[in-house]
């Protein structure tokens, strides 16, 4: 039995800004799964996210069964093919190009998938769950772990068949599937555009707060 690799430490003490700027969408993972203690720590970070009306609408499903992840990958790819069929959009074409590659695995062979779900309805539920997802991913980065949001899996995960397989109640909506694992190698930074500010109304430019100036 292969022992799970130990996560590499990013820094001795990681600040919030360190985690934000070092986080990567990792698409190549070392073999093994993440231990329960680490997962529980990540989930605890997730539930400290902001939440509208203090509703805390999130629930979590953790999948670490390799055979199940392989089957879910196949199911997700088939749904992408069906949903993209006949579409001329660039997104659909790119999706088909990816899933039709013989060696493409939706979960990049990672051993752990965490799915953030909710049974609640309301205008802020999805936003709350994605805020929890960001907390989880930044906490994972601070532990030297890689993460990746897997949008391809959302449609398959929300089918009655997969909810039944995972023993997830029918009324739940699976919102944010996130891989967590030890990166197999370095993931280079991707350049980002400068913030596009379309409005900034102020009588006078405010002074930078000294605490913020010190942190940056």
Protein backbone atom coordinates (compact mmCIF):
# COMPACT_ATOMS: atom_id res chain seq x y z
CA UNK A 1 0.00 0.00 0.00
CA UNK A 2 1.40 3.38 -1.03
CA UNK A 3 1.86 5.78 1.85
CA UNK A 4 0.39 9.24 1.25
CA UNK A 5 3.09 11.87 0.72
CA UNK A 6 3.63 14.51 3.34
CA UNK A 7 2.53 18.01 2.31
CA UNK A 8 5.41 20.39 1.72
CA UNK A 9 5.49 23.51 3.86
CA UNK A 10 5.02 26.71 1.90
CA UNK A 11 6.59 29.00 4.49
CA UNK A 12 7.35 28.80 8.20
CA UNK A 13 4.60 31.34 8.86
CA UNK A 14 2.19 32.05 6.03
CA UNK A 15 0.28 35.32 5.97
CA UNK A 16 -3.05 35.74 4.25
CA UNK A 17 -1.32 37.69 1.47
CA UNK A 18 1.27 34.91 1.04
CA UNK A 19 -1.50 32.33 0.58
CA UNK A 20 -3.43 34.52 -1.86
CA UNK A 21 -0.42 35.10 -4.09
CA UNK A 22 0.98 31.55 -3.87
CA UNK A 23 -2.29 29.68 -4.48
CA UNK A 24 -2.37 27.81 -7.78
CA UNK A 25 -4.89 25.66 -9.65
CA UNK A 26 -2.93 22.40 -9.58
CA UNK A 27 -3.60 19.87 -12.33
CA UNK A 28 -0.99 17.23 -11.52
CA UNK A 29 -0.94 15.42 -8.17
CA UNK A 30 1.38 13.00 -6.42
CA UNK A 31 -0.12 9.59 -5.50
CA UNK A 32 -1.81 9.23 -2.14
CA UNK A 33 -4.63 10.80 -0.18
CA UNK A 34 -4.84 13.49 2.47
CA UNK A 35 -5.26 12.40 6.09
CA UNK A 36 -8.45 13.02 8.06
CA UNK A 37 -6.83 15.49 10.46
CA UNK A 38 -5.72 17.73 7.59
CA UNK A 39 -9.13 17.52 5.91
CA UNK A 40 -10.91 18.45 9.13
CA UNK A 41 -8.59 21.43 9.55
CA UNK A 42 -9.41 22.58 6.00
CA UNK A 43 -13.14 22.19 6.61
CA UNK A 44 -12.83 24.17 9.83
CA UNK A 45 -11.19 26.96 7.84
CA UNK A 46 -13.98 26.74 5.25
CA UNK A 47 -16.78 27.25 7.77
CA UNK A 48 -15.14 30.44 9.03
CA UNK A 49 -16.01 32.13 5.74
CA UNK A 50 -18.42 35.07 5.67
CA UNK A 51 -22.05 34.00 5.47
CA UNK A 52 -25.17 36.06 4.74
CA UNK A 53 -27.55 36.32 7.72
CA UNK A 54 -25.25 33.89 9.53
CA UNK A 55 -27.05 31.12 7.66
CA UNK A 56 -23.98 28.86 7.28
CA UNK A 57 -25.65 26.93 4.45
CA UNK A 58 -22.77 24.59 3.63
CA UNK A 59 -22.33 20.84 3.98
CA UNK A 60 -19.38 18.77 2.77
CA UNK A 61 -18.84 15.47 0.99
CA UNK A 62 -15.35 13.95 0.97
CA UNK A 63 -14.49 11.36 -1.68
CA UNK A 64 -11.24 9.40 -1.39
CA UNK A 65 -12.22 6.22 -3.21
CA UNK A 66 -10.01 5.94 -6.32
CA UNK A 67 -12.34 3.60 -8.21
CA UNK A 68 -15.29 5.88 -7.51
CA UNK A 69 -13.34 8.94 -8.67
CA UNK A 70 -12.41 7.13 -11.89
CA UNK A 71 -16.05 6.28 -12.59
CA UNK A 72 -17.17 9.80 -11.71
CA UNK A 73 -14.55 11.16 -14.12
CA UNK A 74 -15.95 8.99 -16.92
CA UNK A 75 -19.50 10.06 -16.09
CA UNK A 76 -18.56 13.74 -16.00
CA UNK A 77 -16.80 13.52 -19.37
CA UNK A 78 -19.83 11.86 -20.95
CA UNK A 79 -22.15 14.59 -19.65
CA UNK A 80 -19.81 17.28 -20.99
CA UNK A 81 -19.92 15.60 -24.40
CA UNK A 82 -23.73 15.49 -24.39
CA UNK A 83 -24.16 19.05 -23.14
CA UNK A 84 -21.63 20.49 -25.60
CA UNK A 85 -23.04 18.61 -28.60
CA UNK A 86 -24.22 20.96 -31.31
CA UNK A 87 -22.84 24.08 -29.64
CA UNK A 88 -20.58 26.41 -31.61
CA UNK A 89 -19.30 28.31 -28.59
CA UNK A 90 -15.57 28.41 -27.94
CA UNK A 91 -16.16 27.14 -24.40
CA UNK A 92 -17.99 24.05 -25.69
CA UNK A 93 -15.33 23.37 -28.30
CA UNK A 94 -12.55 23.66 -25.72
CA UNK A 95 -14.43 21.39 -23.32
CA UNK A 96 -14.89 18.73 -25.99
CA UNK A 97 -11.25 18.95 -26.97
CA UNK A 98 -10.23 18.27 -23.37
CA UNK A 99 -12.62 15.43 -22.51
CA UNK A 100 -11.95 13.64 -25.80
CA UNK A 101 -8.27 13.24 -25.03
CA UNK A 102 -7.73 9.52 -24.24
CA UNK A 103 -5.61 10.18 -21.14
CA UNK A 104 -7.65 13.08 -19.73
CA UNK A 105 -8.88 12.51 -16.17
CA UNK A 106 -11.33 15.07 -14.79
CA UNK A 107 -9.70 14.83 -11.35
CA UNK A 108 -6.11 14.79 -12.57
CA UNK A 109 -5.53 11.55 -10.63
CA UNK A 110 -5.82 13.31 -7.27
CA UNK A 111 -6.82 11.13 -4.35
CA UNK A 112 -9.15 13.55 -2.54
CA UNK A 113 -12.22 15.44 -3.76
CA UNK A 114 -14.12 17.72 -1.37
CA UNK A 115 -17.55 18.88 -2.54
CA UNK A 116 -19.31 21.81 -0.90
CA UNK A 117 -23.07 21.30 -0.96
CA UNK A 118 -26.21 22.97 0.36
CA UNK A 119 -29.87 22.15 0.93
CA UNK A 120 -30.72 25.83 1.42
CA UNK A 121 -32.37 28.10 -1.13
CA UNK A 122 -31.77 31.82 -1.35
CA UNK A 123 -29.92 34.56 -3.22
CA UNK A 124 -26.66 34.23 -1.25
CA UNK A 125 -26.34 30.47 -0.75
CA UNK A 126 -24.10 29.84 -3.74
CA UNK A 127 -21.93 32.85 -2.88
CA UNK A 128 -21.58 31.61 0.71
CA UNK A 129 -20.45 28.19 -0.50
CA UNK A 130 -17.87 29.69 -2.84
CA UNK A 131 -16.57 31.90 -0.04
CA UNK A 132 -16.12 28.72 2.01
CA UNK A 133 -14.35 27.18 -0.99
CA UNK A 134 -11.89 30.05 -1.16
CA UNK A 135 -11.14 29.73 2.56
CA UNK A 136 -10.51 26.02 2.07
CA UNK A 137 -8.18 26.57 -0.88
CA UNK A 138 -6.17 29.28 0.86
CA UNK A 139 -5.85 27.12 3.98
CA UNK A 140 -4.64 24.23 1.81
CA UNK A 141 -2.08 26.50 0.16
CA UNK A 142 -0.82 27.56 3.57
CA UNK A 143 -0.20 23.85 4.29
CA UNK A 144 1.78 23.39 1.07
CA UNK A 145 -1.10 21.55 -0.62
CA UNK A 146 -2.53 22.09 -4.08
CA UNK A 147 -6.19 22.53 -4.99
CA UNK A 148 -8.28 22.87 -8.12
CA UNK A 149 -11.96 23.61 -8.69
CA UNK A 150 -13.46 21.01 -11.04
CA UNK A 151 -16.39 22.60 -12.84
CA UNK A 152 -16.69 19.62 -15.20
CA UNK A 153 -17.94 17.49 -12.29
CA UNK A 154 -20.86 19.69 -11.19
CA UNK A 155 -23.43 18.38 -13.67
CA UNK A 156 -22.69 14.71 -13.03
CA UNK A 157 -22.58 15.15 -9.25
CA UNK A 158 -26.08 16.64 -9.27
CA UNK A 159 -27.71 13.70 -11.03
CA UNK A 160 -29.99 11.46 -8.92
CA UNK A 161 -27.73 8.50 -9.68
CA UNK A 162 -24.60 10.06 -8.25
CA UNK A 163 -26.39 11.56 -5.27
CA UNK A 164 -27.67 8.07 -4.47
CA UNK A 165 -24.21 6.54 -4.97
CA UNK A 166 -22.65 9.09 -2.62
CA UNK A 167 -25.56 8.88 -0.16
CA UNK A 168 -26.25 12.60 -0.52
CA UNK A 169 -29.88 13.65 0.11
CA UNK A 170 -31.85 14.44 -3.03
CA UNK A 171 -32.64 17.98 -1.86
CA UNK A 172 -28.96 18.91 -1.69
CA UNK A 173 -27.28 20.88 -4.49
CA UNK A 174 -23.60 20.09 -5.03
CA UNK A 175 -21.96 23.43 -5.73
CA UNK A 176 -18.16 23.44 -5.46
CA UNK A 177 -16.05 20.33 -6.20
CA UNK A 178 -12.45 20.94 -5.08
CA UNK A 179 -9.45 18.67 -5.48
CA UNK A 180 -6.93 18.63 -2.66
CA UNK A 181 -3.54 16.94 -2.78
CA UNK A 182 0.21 17.20 -2.87
CA UNK A 183 1.35 18.79 -6.15
CA UNK A 184 3.44 16.45 -8.30
CA UNK A 185 5.63 19.38 -9.34
CA UNK A 186 5.78 23.14 -9.52
CA UNK A 187 2.78 25.00 -10.90
CA UNK A 188 3.88 28.29 -12.46
CA UNK A 189 2.06 31.52 -11.75
CA UNK A 190 -0.44 32.66 -14.37
CA UNK A 191 -0.32 36.38 -15.23
CA UNK A 192 -3.42 38.31 -14.20
CA UNK A 193 -4.84 41.52 -15.60
CA UNK A 194 -4.71 44.68 -13.55
CA UNK A 195 -7.99 45.37 -11.68
CA UNK A 196 -10.48 47.12 -13.94
CA UNK A 197 -11.94 49.94 -11.89
CA UNK A 198 -15.09 51.22 -13.57
CA UNK A 199 -16.12 53.63 -10.81
CA UNK A 200 -14.44 55.25 -7.83
CA UNK A 201 -16.36 58.14 -6.31
CA UNK A 202 -14.65 60.02 -3.53
CA UNK A 203 -14.40 63.64 -2.43
CA UNK A 204 -10.71 63.17 -1.71
CA UNK A 205 -8.34 60.18 -1.88
CA UNK A 206 -8.31 58.51 1.57
CA UNK A 207 -5.03 58.05 3.40
CA UNK A 208 -3.73 54.48 3.49
CA UNK A 209 -4.36 52.89 6.84
CA UNK A 210 -0.98 52.40 8.57
CA UNK A 211 -1.70 48.76 9.42
CA UNK A 212 -2.58 47.97 5.82
CA UNK A 213 0.47 49.86 4.54
CA UNK A 214 2.68 47.81 6.88
CA UNK A 215 1.20 44.48 5.72
CA UNK A 216 1.54 45.28 2.04
